[in-house]
PDB file of N, CA and C in Angstrom:
ATOM      1  N   UNK A   1       3.088   2.565  -4.009  1.00  0.00           N
ATOM      2  CA  UNK A   1       3.131   2.203  -3.591  1.00  0.00           C
ATOM      3  C   UNK A   1       4.895   1.354  -3.561  1.00  0.00           C
ATOM      4  N   UNK A   2       5.150   1.247  -4.667  1.00  0.00           N
ATOM      5  CA  UNK A   2       6.887   0.641  -3.823  1.00  0.00           C
ATOM      6  C   UNK A   2       7.257   1.431  -2.766  1.00  0.00           C
ATOM      7  N   UNK A   3       7.782   2.398  -2.586  1.00  0.00           N
ATOM      8  CA  UNK A   3       8.517   2.878  -1.435  1.00  0.00           C
ATOM      9  C   UNK A   3       7.103   2.763  -0.445  1.00  0.00           C
ATOM     10  N   UNK A   4       5.970   2.847  -0.432  1.00  0.00           N
ATOM     11  CA  UNK A   4       4.911   2.176   0.949  1.00  0.00           C
ATOM     12  C   UNK A   4       5.434   0.696   0.934  1.00  0.00           C
ATOM     13  N   UNK A   5       5.720  -0.166   0.296  1.00  0.00           N
ATOM     14  CA  UNK A   5       6.301  -1.371   0.618  1.00  0.00           C
ATOM     15  C   UNK A   5       7.390  -1.846   1.039  1.00  0.00           C
ATOM     16  N   UNK A   6       8.499  -0.547   0.946  1.00  0.00           N
ATOM     17  CA  UNK A   6       9.745  -0.840   0.986  1.00  0.00           C
ATOM     18  C   UNK A   6      10.517  -1.255   0.132  1.00  0.00           C
ATOM     19  N   UNK A   7      10.133  -1.689  -1.497  1.00  0.00           N
ATOM     20  CA  UNK A   7      10.752  -2.384  -2.037  1.00  0.00           C
ATOM     21  C   UNK A   7      11.770  -1.410  -3.296  1.00  0.00           C
ATOM     22  N   UNK A   8      12.878  -2.134  -4.039  1.00  0.00           N
ATOM     23  CA  UNK A   8      13.346  -0.500  -4.434  1.00  0.00           C
ATOM     24  C   UNK A   8      12.875  -1.503  -5.866  1.00  0.00           C
ATOM     25  N   UNK A   9      13.197  -0.694  -6.944  1.00  0.00           N
ATOM     26  CA  UNK A   9      12.569  -0.827  -7.930  1.00  0.00           C
ATOM     27  C   UNK A   9      13.236  -2.319  -8.765  1.00  0.00           C
ATOM     28  N   UNK A  10      14.434  -3.226  -8.463  1.00  0.00           N
ATOM     29  CA  UNK A  10      14.212  -4.121  -9.134  1.00  0.00           C
ATOM     30  C   UNK A  10      13.624  -4.821  -8.499  1.00  0.00           C
ATOM     31  N   UNK A  11      13.014  -5.557  -7.417  1.00  0.00           N
ATOM     32  CA  UNK A  11      11.944  -6.094  -6.632  1.00  0.00           C
ATOM     33  C   UNK A  11      10.746  -5.777  -7.704  1.00  0.00           C
ATOM     34  N   UNK A  12      10.718  -4.570  -7.189  1.00  0.00           N
ATOM     35  CA  UNK A  12       8.840  -4.561  -7.639  1.00  0.00           C
ATOM     36  C   UNK A  12       8.635  -4.531  -8.799  1.00  0.00           C
ATOM     37  N   UNK A  13       9.707  -4.259  -9.949  1.00  0.00           N
ATOM     38  CA  UNK A  13       9.490  -4.201 -11.320  1.00  0.00           C
ATOM     39  C   UNK A  13       8.632  -5.468 -11.280  1.00  0.00           C
ATOM     40  N   UNK A  14      10.157  -7.002 -10.556  1.00  0.00           N
ATOM     41  CA  UNK A  14      10.328  -8.163 -11.020  1.00  0.00           C
ATOM     42  C   UNK A  14       8.288  -8.473 -10.211  1.00  0.00           C
ATOM     43  N   UNK A  15       8.384  -7.983  -9.391  1.00  0.00           N
ATOM     44  CA  UNK A  15       6.241  -8.196  -8.843  1.00  0.00           C
ATOM     45  C   UNK A  15       5.794  -8.017  -9.962  1.00  0.00           C
ATOM     46  N   UNK A  16       5.401  -7.131 -10.560  1.00  0.00           N
ATOM     47  CA  UNK A  16       4.519  -6.552 -11.479  1.00  0.00           C
ATOM     48  C   UNK A  16       4.826  -7.023 -12.850  1.00  0.00           C
ATOM     49  N   UNK A  17       5.989  -7.684 -12.952  1.00  0.00           N
ATOM     50  CA  UNK A  17       6.397  -8.235 -14.363  1.00  0.00           C
ATOM     51  C   UNK A  17       7.155  -7.112 -15.482  1.00  0.00           C
ATOM     52  N   UNK A  18       7.413  -5.999 -15.126  1.00  0.00           N
ATOM     53  CA  UNK A  18       8.370  -5.106 -15.884  1.00  0.00           C
ATOM     54  C   UNK A  18       9.695  -4.890 -15.923  1.00  0.00           C
ATOM     55  N   UNK A  19      10.270  -4.367 -17.018  1.00  0.00           N
ATOM     56  CA  UNK A  19      11.895  -4.295 -16.525  1.00  0.00           C
ATOM     57  C   UNK A  19      11.171  -3.246 -15.877  1.00  0.00           C
ATOM     58  N   UNK A  20      12.710  -3.317 -15.094  1.00  0.00           N
ATOM     59  CA  UNK A  20      13.200  -1.944 -13.829  1.00  0.00           C
ATOM     60  C   UNK A  20      13.202  -0.156 -14.861  1.00  0.00           C
ATOM     61  N   UNK A  21      13.665  -0.538 -16.358  1.00  0.00           N
ATOM     62  CA  UNK A  21      13.779   0.729 -16.878  1.00  0.00           C
ATOM     63  C   UNK A  21      11.988   0.875 -17.109  1.00  0.00           C
ATOM     64  N   UNK A  22      11.439   0.546 -17.739  1.00  0.00           N
ATOM     65  CA  UNK A  22      10.205   0.657 -17.248  1.00  0.00           C
ATOM     66  C   UNK A  22       9.287   0.755 -16.295  1.00  0.00           C
ATOM     67  N   UNK A  23      10.129   0.658 -15.563  1.00  0.00           N
ATOM     68  CA  UNK A  23       8.766   0.570 -14.250  1.00  0.00           C
ATOM     69  C   UNK A  23       9.216   2.517 -13.866  1.00  0.00           C
ATOM     70  N   UNK A  24      10.808   2.607 -13.796  1.00  0.00           N
ATOM     71  CA  UNK A  24      11.382   4.316 -13.526  1.00  0.00           C
ATOM     72  C   UNK A  24      11.139   5.217 -14.548  1.00  0.00           C
ATOM     73  N   UNK A  25      10.630   4.763 -15.893  1.00  0.00           N
ATOM     74  CA  UNK A  25      10.018   5.542 -17.626  1.00  0.00           C
ATOM     75  C   UNK A  25       8.120   5.722 -16.401  1.00  0.00           C
ATOM     76  N   UNK A  26       7.756   4.719 -15.826  1.00  0.00           N
ATOM     77  CA  UNK A  26       6.695   5.013 -15.081  1.00  0.00           C
ATOM     78  C   UNK A  26       6.791   5.414 -14.376  1.00  0.00           C
ATOM     79  N   UNK A  27       7.677   5.535 -13.372  1.00  0.00           N
ATOM     80  CA  UNK A  27       7.228   6.211 -12.137  1.00  0.00           C
ATOM     81  C   UNK A  27       7.729   8.150 -11.954  1.00  0.00           C
ATOM     82  N   UNK A  28       8.159   8.704 -13.224  1.00  0.00           N
ATOM     83  CA  UNK A  28       8.278   9.523 -13.805  1.00  0.00           C
ATOM     84  C   UNK A  28       6.901  10.188 -14.971  1.00  0.00           C
ATOM     85  N   UNK A  29       6.055   9.066 -14.870  1.00  0.00           N
ATOM     86  CA  UNK A  29       5.052   9.823 -15.361  1.00  0.00           C
ATOM     87  C   UNK A  29       4.987  10.073 -17.314  1.00  0.00           C
ATOM     88  N   UNK A  30       6.212   8.615 -17.517  1.00  0.00           N
ATOM     89  CA  UNK A  30       6.285   8.758 -19.236  1.00  0.00           C
ATOM     90  C   UNK A  30       5.118   9.037 -20.111  1.00  0.00           C
ATOM     91  N   UNK A  31       4.313   7.758 -19.695  1.00  0.00           N
ATOM     92  CA  UNK A  31       3.752   7.503 -19.731  1.00  0.00           C
ATOM     93  C   UNK A  31       2.842   6.341 -19.159  1.00  0.00           C
ATOM     94  N   UNK A  32       1.355   5.815 -19.592  1.00  0.00           N
ATOM     95  CA  UNK A  32       0.546   5.441 -18.327  1.00  0.00           C
ATOM     96  C   UNK A  32       0.936   3.256 -18.752  1.00  0.00           C
ATOM     97  N   UNK A  33       0.336   2.695 -17.759  1.00  0.00           N
ATOM     98  CA  UNK A  33       1.057   1.168 -17.423  1.00  0.00           C
ATOM     99  C   UNK A  33      -0.168   1.033 -18.211  1.00  0.00           C
ATOM    100  N   UNK A  34       0.671  -0.507 -18.976  1.00  0.00           N
ATOM    101  CA  UNK A  34      -0.075  -0.738 -19.573  1.00  0.00           C
ATOM    102  C   UNK A  34      -1.050  -1.518 -18.857  1.00  0.00           C
ATOM    103  N   UNK A  35      -2.105  -2.576 -19.045  1.00  0.00           N
ATOM    104  CA  UNK A  35      -3.083  -3.526 -18.544  1.00  0.00           C
ATOM    105  C   UNK A  35      -3.053  -4.232 -17.464  1.00  0.00           C
ATOM    106  N   UNK A  36      -1.650  -5.689 -18.385  1.00  0.00           N
ATOM    107  CA  UNK A  36      -1.645  -6.376 -17.776  1.00  0.00           C
ATOM    108  C   UNK A  36      -0.349  -5.548 -16.580  1.00  0.00           C
ATOM    109  N   UNK A  37       0.045  -4.210 -16.317  1.00  0.00           N
ATOM    110  CA  UNK A  37       0.950  -3.912 -15.187  1.00  0.00           C
ATOM    111  C   UNK A  37       0.456  -3.583 -13.816  1.00  0.00           C
ATOM    112  N   UNK A  38      -1.512  -2.460 -14.777  1.00  0.00           N
ATOM    113  CA  UNK A  38      -2.419  -2.087 -13.607  1.00  0.00           C
ATOM    114  C   UNK A  38      -2.760  -3.996 -13.118  1.00  0.00           C
ATOM    115  N   UNK A  39      -3.482  -4.905 -13.476  1.00  0.00           N
ATOM    116  CA  UNK A  39      -3.630  -6.315 -13.254  1.00  0.00           C
ATOM    117  C   UNK A  39      -2.559  -6.347 -12.288  1.00  0.00           C
ATOM    118  N   UNK A  40      -1.318  -6.285 -12.691  1.00  0.00           N
ATOM    119  CA  UNK A  40      -0.395  -6.780 -11.189  1.00  0.00           C
ATOM    120  C   UNK A  40      -0.876  -5.905  -9.878  1.00  0.00           C
ATOM    121  N   UNK A  41      -0.842  -5.184 -10.415  1.00  0.00           N
ATOM    122  CA  UNK A  41      -0.554  -3.877  -9.528  1.00  0.00           C
ATOM    123  C   UNK A  41      -2.300  -3.748  -8.181  1.00  0.00           C
ATOM    124  N   UNK A  42      -3.121  -5.019  -9.172  1.00  0.00           N
ATOM    125  CA  UNK A  42      -4.756  -5.139  -7.880  1.00  0.00           C
ATOM    126  C   UNK A  42      -4.496  -6.467  -7.699  1.00  0.00           C
ATOM    127  N   UNK A  43      -3.605  -6.341  -8.378  1.00  0.00           N
ATOM    128  CA  UNK A  43      -2.652  -8.826  -7.410  1.00  0.00           C
ATOM    129  C   UNK A  43      -2.409  -8.721  -6.395  1.00  0.00           C
ATOM    130  N   UNK A  44      -1.636  -8.265  -6.668  1.00  0.00           N
ATOM    131  CA  UNK A  44       0.182  -7.847  -5.840  1.00  0.00           C
ATOM    132  C   UNK A  44      -0.303  -6.875  -4.546  1.00  0.00           C
ATOM    133  N   UNK A  45      -0.555  -5.800  -4.307  1.00  0.00           N
ATOM    134  CA  UNK A  45      -0.872  -5.075  -3.539  1.00  0.00           C
ATOM    135  C   UNK A  45      -2.430  -4.481  -3.048  1.00  0.00           C
ATOM    136  N   UNK A  46      -3.157  -5.386  -4.380  1.00  0.00           N
ATOM    137  CA  UNK A  46      -4.563  -4.467  -3.913  1.00  0.00           C
ATOM    138  C   UNK A  46      -4.672  -2.988  -4.238  1.00  0.00           C
ATOM    139  N   UNK A  47      -4.445  -2.444  -4.740  1.00  0.00           N
ATOM    140  CA  UNK A  47      -4.091  -1.132  -5.630  1.00  0.00           C
ATOM    141  C   UNK A  47      -5.990  -1.124  -5.761  1.00  0.00           C
ATOM    142  N   UNK A  48      -6.517   0.250  -5.469  1.00  0.00           N
ATOM    143  CA  UNK A  48      -7.583   0.485  -6.018  1.00  0.00           C
ATOM    144  C   UNK A  48      -7.781   0.707  -7.297  1.00  0.00           C
ATOM    145  N   UNK A  49      -8.776   0.320  -8.378  1.00  0.00           N
ATOM    146  CA  UNK A  49      -8.573   0.757  -9.834  1.00  0.00           C
ATOM    147  C   UNK A  49      -9.223   2.197 -10.201  1.00  0.00           C
ATOM    148  N   UNK A  50     -10.176   2.616  -9.117  1.00  0.00           N
ATOM    149  CA  UNK A  50     -10.166   3.403 -10.011  1.00  0.00           C
ATOM    150  C   UNK A  50      -9.394   4.905  -9.663  1.00  0.00           C
ATOM    151  N   UNK A  51      -8.722   4.446  -8.775  1.00  0.00           N
ATOM    152  CA  UNK A  51      -7.762   5.535  -8.036  1.00  0.00           C
ATOM    153  C   UNK A  51      -6.767   5.273  -8.656  1.00  0.00           C
ATOM    154  N   UNK A  52      -6.124   4.638  -8.684  1.00  0.00           N
ATOM    155  CA  UNK A  52      -5.043   4.147  -9.986  1.00  0.00           C
ATOM    156  C   UNK A  52      -4.974   5.421 -11.655  1.00  0.00           C
ATOM    157  N   UNK A  53      -6.499   4.270 -12.169  1.00  0.00           N
ATOM    158  CA  UNK A  53      -6.553   4.874 -13.499  1.00  0.00           C
ATOM    159  C   UNK A  53      -6.750   6.389 -13.130  1.00  0.00           C
ATOM    160  N   UNK A  54      -7.749   6.384 -12.666  1.00  0.00           N
ATOM    161  CA  UNK A  54      -8.373   8.000 -12.740  1.00  0.00           C
ATOM    162  C   UNK A  54      -8.152   9.298 -11.702  1.00  0.00           C
ATOM    163  N   UNK A  55      -7.293   8.803 -10.033  1.00  0.00           N
ATOM    164  CA  UNK A  55      -6.606   9.420  -9.620  1.00  0.00           C
ATOM    165  C   UNK A  55      -7.667   9.684  -8.797  1.00  0.00           C
ATOM    166  N   UNK A  56      -8.443   9.675  -8.667  1.00  0.00           N
ATOM    167  CA  UNK A  56      -9.836   9.890  -8.097  1.00  0.00           C
ATOM    168  C   UNK A  56      -9.749   9.265  -6.766  1.00  0.00           C
ATOM    169  N   UNK A  57     -10.586  10.148  -5.754  1.00  0.00           N
ATOM    170  CA  UNK A  57     -10.383   9.333  -4.507  1.00  0.00           C
ATOM    171  C   UNK A  57     -11.344   8.320  -3.987  1.00  0.00           C
ATOM    172  N   UNK A  58     -11.480   7.763  -3.584  1.00  0.00           N
ATOM    173  CA  UNK A  58     -12.927   6.143  -3.596  1.00  0.00           C
ATOM    174  C   UNK A  58     -12.813   6.422  -1.945  1.00  0.00           C
ATOM    175  N   UNK A  59     -13.528   6.396  -1.623  1.00  0.00           N
ATOM    176  CA  UNK A  59     -14.699   6.118  -0.550  1.00  0.00           C
ATOM    177  C   UNK A  59     -14.760   5.147  -0.031  1.00  0.00           C
ATOM    178  N   UNK A  60     -14.293   3.977   1.069  1.00  0.00           N
ATOM    179  CA  UNK A  60     -14.844   2.767   1.763  1.00  0.00           C
ATOM    180  C   UNK A  60     -15.533   2.740   2.791  1.00  0.00           C
ATOM    181  N   UNK A  61     -15.619   1.158   3.255  1.00  0.00           N
ATOM    182  CA  UNK A  61     -16.332   1.398   4.302  1.00  0.00           C
ATOM    183  C   UNK A  61     -15.071   1.585   5.381  1.00  0.00           C
ATOM    184  N   UNK A  62     -13.838   1.913   5.328  1.00  0.00           N
ATOM    185  CA  UNK A  62     -12.975   2.235   6.346  1.00  0.00           C
ATOM    186  C   UNK A  62     -12.281   4.520   6.044  1.00  0.00           C
ATOM    187  N   UNK A  63     -12.801   4.306   4.627  1.00  0.00           N
ATOM    188  CA  UNK A  63     -13.015   6.367   5.169  1.00  0.00           C
ATOM    189  C   UNK A  63     -12.501   6.829   3.539  1.00  0.00           C
ATOM    190  N   UNK A  64     -11.522   7.752   3.246  1.00  0.00           N
ATOM    191  CA  UNK A  64     -10.666   8.035   2.074  1.00  0.00           C
ATOM    192  C   UNK A  64      -9.724   6.873   2.059  1.00  0.00           C
ATOM    193  N   UNK A  65     -10.184   6.030   1.133  1.00  0.00           N
ATOM    194  CA  UNK A  65      -8.504   5.361   0.189  1.00  0.00           C
ATOM    195  C   UNK A  65      -7.611   6.064   0.238  1.00  0.00           C
ATOM    196  N   UNK A  66      -7.443   7.304  -0.499  1.00  0.00           N
ATOM    197  CA  UNK A  66      -6.002   7.845  -0.758  1.00  0.00           C
ATOM    198  C   UNK A  66      -5.901   8.663   0.108  1.00  0.00           C
ATOM    199  N   UNK A  67      -5.137   8.635   1.595  1.00  0.00           N
ATOM    200  CA  UNK A  67      -3.892   9.446   2.437  1.00  0.00           C
ATOM    201  C   UNK A  67      -2.571   9.976   2.870  1.00  0.00           C
ATOM    202  N   UNK A  68      -2.156  10.615   2.839  1.00  0.00           N
ATOM    203  CA  UNK A  68      -0.736  10.737   3.264  1.00  0.00           C
ATOM    204  C   UNK A  68      -0.652   9.952   4.750  1.00  0.00           C
ATOM    205  N   UNK A  69       0.448   9.394   4.810  1.00  0.00           N
ATOM    206  CA  UNK A  69       1.021   8.778   5.580  1.00  0.00           C
ATOM    207  C   UNK A  69       2.839   8.785   5.578  1.00  0.00           C
ATOM    208  N   UNK A  70       3.148   8.977   7.448  1.00  0.00           N
ATOM    209  CA  UNK A  70       4.471   9.359   7.437  1.00  0.00           C
ATOM    210  C   UNK A  70       5.462   7.785   7.045  1.00  0.00           C
ATOM    211  N   UNK A  71       6.725   8.348   7.021  1.00  0.00           N
ATOM    212  CA  UNK A  71       7.862   7.169   7.296  1.00  0.00           C
ATOM    213  C   UNK A  71       7.346   5.744   8.513  1.00  0.00           C
ATOM    214  N   UNK A  72       7.229   6.068   9.471  1.00  0.00           N
ATOM    215  CA  UNK A  72       6.343   5.545  10.658  1.00  0.00           C
ATOM    216  C   UNK A  72       5.595   4.585  10.210  1.00  0.00           C
ATOM    217  N   UNK A  73       4.292   5.702   9.950  1.00  0.00           N
ATOM    218  CA  UNK A  73       2.957   5.031   9.139  1.00  0.00           C
ATOM    219  C   UNK A  73       3.326   3.648   8.419  1.00  0.00           C
ATOM    220  N   UNK A  74       4.325   4.152   7.811  1.00  0.00           N
ATOM    221  CA  UNK A  74       4.605   3.372   6.517  1.00  0.00           C
ATOM    222  C   UNK A  74       5.431   1.973   7.168  1.00  0.00           C
ATOM    223  N   UNK A  75       6.708   2.128   7.746  1.00  0.00           N
ATOM    224  CA  UNK A  75       6.737   1.199   8.302  1.00  0.00           C
ATOM    225  C   UNK A  75       6.232   0.164   9.234  1.00  0.00           C
ATOM    226  N   UNK A  76       4.994   0.596   9.784  1.00  0.00           N
ATOM    227  CA  UNK A  76       4.430  -0.045  10.447  1.00  0.00           C
ATOM    228  C   UNK A  76       3.614  -0.773   9.544  1.00  0.00           C
ATOM    229  N   UNK A  77       3.003  -0.141   8.330  1.00  0.00           N
ATOM    230  CA  UNK A  77       2.195  -1.019   7.271  1.00  0.00           C
ATOM    231  C   UNK A  77       2.723  -2.255   7.087  1.00  0.00           C
ATOM    232  N   UNK A  78       3.699  -1.841   6.387  1.00  0.00           N
ATOM    233  CA  UNK A  78       4.705  -2.786   6.111  1.00  0.00           C
ATOM    234  C   UNK A  78       5.178  -3.645   6.613  1.00  0.00           C
ATOM    235  N   UNK A  79       5.618  -3.793   7.618  1.00  0.00           N
ATOM    236  CA  UNK A  79       5.852  -4.421   8.429  1.00  0.00           C
ATOM    237  C   UNK A  79       4.694  -5.599   9.220  1.00  0.00           C
ATOM    238  N   UNK A  80       3.183  -4.988   9.061  1.00  0.00           N
ATOM    239  CA  UNK A  80       1.834  -5.408   9.316  1.00  0.00           C
ATOM    240  C   UNK A  80       1.880  -6.732   8.501  1.00  0.00           C
ATOM    241  N   UNK A  81       2.506  -6.487   6.970  1.00  0.00           N
ATOM    242  CA  UNK A  81       1.486  -7.188   5.661  1.00  0.00           C
ATOM    243  C   UNK A  81       2.478  -8.155   6.048  1.00  0.00           C
ATOM    244  N   UNK A  82       3.553  -8.763   6.376  1.00  0.00           N
ATOM    245  CA  UNK A  82       4.557  -9.683   5.933  1.00  0.00           C
ATOM    246  C   UNK A  82       4.124 -10.416   7.357  1.00  0.00           C
ATOM    247  N   UNK A  83       3.493 -10.315   8.272  1.00  0.00           N
ATOM    248  CA  UNK A  83       3.197 -10.996   9.550  1.00  0.00           C
ATOM    249  C   UNK A  83       1.914 -12.233   9.336  1.00  0.00           C
ATOM    250  N   UNK A  84       1.861 -13.115   9.760  1.00  0.00           N
ATOM    251  CA  UNK A  84       1.157 -14.230   9.962  1.00  0.00           C
ATOM    252  C   UNK A  84      -0.565 -13.515  10.041  1.00  0.00           C
ATOM    253  N   UNK A  85      -1.487 -14.746   9.919  1.00  0.00           N
ATOM    254  CA  UNK A  85      -2.945 -14.144  10.734  1.00  0.00           C
ATOM    255  C   UNK A  85      -2.961 -14.110  12.285  1.00  0.00           C
ATOM    256  N   UNK A  86      -2.291 -14.871  13.123  1.00  0.00           N
ATOM    257  CA  UNK A  86      -2.581 -15.110  13.799  1.00  0.00           C
ATOM    258  C   UNK A  86      -1.004 -13.807  14.651  1.00  0.00           C
ATOM    259  N   UNK A  87      -0.158 -13.528  13.903  1.00  0.00           N
ATOM    260  CA  UNK A  87       0.564 -12.230  14.763  1.00  0.00           C
ATOM    261  C   UNK A  87      -0.523 -10.743  14.249  1.00  0.00           C
ATOM    262  N   UNK A  88      -1.314 -10.862  12.999  1.00  0.00           N
ATOM    263  CA  UNK A  88      -1.966  -9.555  12.608  1.00  0.00           C
ATOM    264  C   UNK A  88      -2.787  -9.446  13.516  1.00  0.00           C
ATOM    265  N   UNK A  89      -3.918 -10.028  14.413  1.00  0.00           N
ATOM    266  CA  UNK A  89      -4.789 -10.740  15.509  1.00  0.00           C
ATOM    267  C   UNK A  89      -4.372  -9.891  16.780  1.00  0.00           C
ATOM    268  N   UNK A  90      -2.717 -10.447  16.897  1.00  0.00           N
ATOM    269  CA  UNK A  90      -1.992  -9.879  18.255  1.00  0.00           C
ATOM    270  C   UNK A  90      -2.391  -8.024  18.081  1.00  0.00           C
ATOM    271  N   UNK A  91      -0.993  -7.914  17.196  1.00  0.00           N
ATOM    272  CA  UNK A  91      -1.161  -6.577  16.725  1.00  0.00           C
ATOM    273  C   UNK A  91      -2.260  -5.791  17.095  1.00  0.00           C
ATOM    274  N   UNK A  92      -3.671  -6.100  16.533  1.00  0.00           N
ATOM    275  CA  UNK A  92      -4.443  -5.681  16.462  1.00  0.00           C
ATOM    276  C   UNK A  92      -5.362  -5.465  17.700  1.00  0.00           C
ATOM    277  N   UNK A  93      -5.137  -6.422  18.458  1.00  0.00           N
ATOM    278  CA  UNK A  93      -5.444  -6.600  20.350  1.00  0.00           C
ATOM    279  C   UNK A  93      -4.986  -5.663  20.584  1.00  0.00           C
ATOM    280  N   UNK A  94      -3.906  -5.357  20.790  1.00  0.00           N
ATOM    281  CA  UNK A  94      -2.354  -4.347  21.408  1.00  0.00           C
ATOM    282  C   UNK A  94      -2.956  -2.604  21.382  1.00  0.00           C
ATOM    283  N   UNK A  95      -3.524  -2.555  19.759  1.00  0.00           N
ATOM    284  CA  UNK A  95      -3.841  -1.547  19.275  1.00  0.00           C
ATOM    285  C   UNK A  95      -5.779  -1.156  19.957  1.00  0.00           C
ATOM    286  N   UNK A  96      -6.354  -2.086  19.798  1.00  0.00           N
ATOM    287  CA  UNK A  96      -7.574  -1.939  20.465  1.00  0.00           C
ATOM    288  C   UNK A  96      -6.986  -1.441  22.270  1.00  0.00           C
ATOM    289  N   UNK A  97      -6.217  -2.134  22.833  1.00  0.00           N
ATOM    290  CA  UNK A  97      -5.964  -1.647  24.250  1.00  0.00           C
ATOM    291  C   UNK A  97      -5.571   0.279  24.075  1.00  0.00           C
ATOM    292  N   UNK A  98      -4.612  -0.079  23.015  1.00  0.00           N
ATOM    293  CA  UNK A  98      -3.982   1.695  23.755  1.00  0.00           C
ATOM    294  C   UNK A  98      -5.493   2.340  23.406  1.00  0.00           C
ATOM    295  N   UNK A  99      -5.739   1.964  22.031  1.00  0.00           N
ATOM    296  CA  UNK A  99      -6.695   3.166  21.599  1.00  0.00           C
ATOM    297  C   UNK A  99      -8.089   2.822  23.166  1.00  0.00           C
ATOM    298  N   UNK A 100      -8.150   2.152  23.687  1.00  0.00           N
ATOM    299  CA  UNK A 100      -9.078   2.442  24.888  1.00  0.00           C
ATOM    300  C   UNK A 100      -9.047   3.065  25.650  1.00  0.00           C
ATOM    301  N   UNK A 101      -7.613   2.742  25.547  1.00  0.00           N
ATOM    302  CA  UNK A 101      -6.660   3.231  26.797  1.00  0.00           C
ATOM    303  C   UNK A 101      -6.721   5.324  26.623  1.00  0.00           C
ATOM    304  N   UNK A 102      -6.409   5.154  25.065  1.00  0.00           N
ATOM    305  CA  UNK A 102      -6.495   6.498  24.857  1.00  0.00           C
ATOM    306  C   UNK A 102      -7.991   7.911  24.809  1.00  0.00           C
ATOM    307  N   UNK A 103      -8.542   6.657  24.857  1.00  0.00           N
ATOM    308  CA  UNK A 103     -10.339   7.294  24.195  1.00  0.00           C
ATOM    309  C   UNK A 103     -10.903   8.006  25.930  1.00  0.00           C
ATOM    310  N   UNK A 104     -10.030   6.498  27.043  1.00  0.00           N
ATOM    311  CA  UNK A 104     -10.247   7.246  28.416  1.00  0.00           C
ATOM    312  C   UNK A 104      -9.675   7.980  29.456  1.00  0.00           C
ATOM    313  N   UNK A 105      -8.350   8.847  28.367  1.00  0.00           N
ATOM    314  CA  UNK A 105      -7.592   9.782  29.534  1.00  0.00           C
ATOM    315  C   UNK A 105      -8.296  10.881  28.696  1.00  0.00           C
ATOM    316  N   UNK A 106      -9.023  11.117  27.473  1.00  0.00           N
ATOM    317  CA  UNK A 106      -9.398  12.003  26.317  1.00  0.00           C
ATOM    318  C   UNK A 106     -10.667  12.727  27.339  1.00  0.00           C
TER     319      UNK A 106
END
């Protein structure tokens, strides 16, 4: 989640309320996160709790939650999250136009 949002360990640890050292150990799987940390991940990043706690893929209305993404997709998601609602809708409109053209070519 930290890398997906292009945050360094210090920035991410401040957001979720743990020390940078604790975050480093969590990332190395030395121990499991506290309940407070799990809640912070849910509230700040929308992390699915089933996936986080039991590493089970979760099926939602939009498909499977856990997917591999490349750097380009990660950058797009990170940038998109920083936009206001009007800008997000504008990007959605551009995407819909591109997809329509793609479908017409296929």
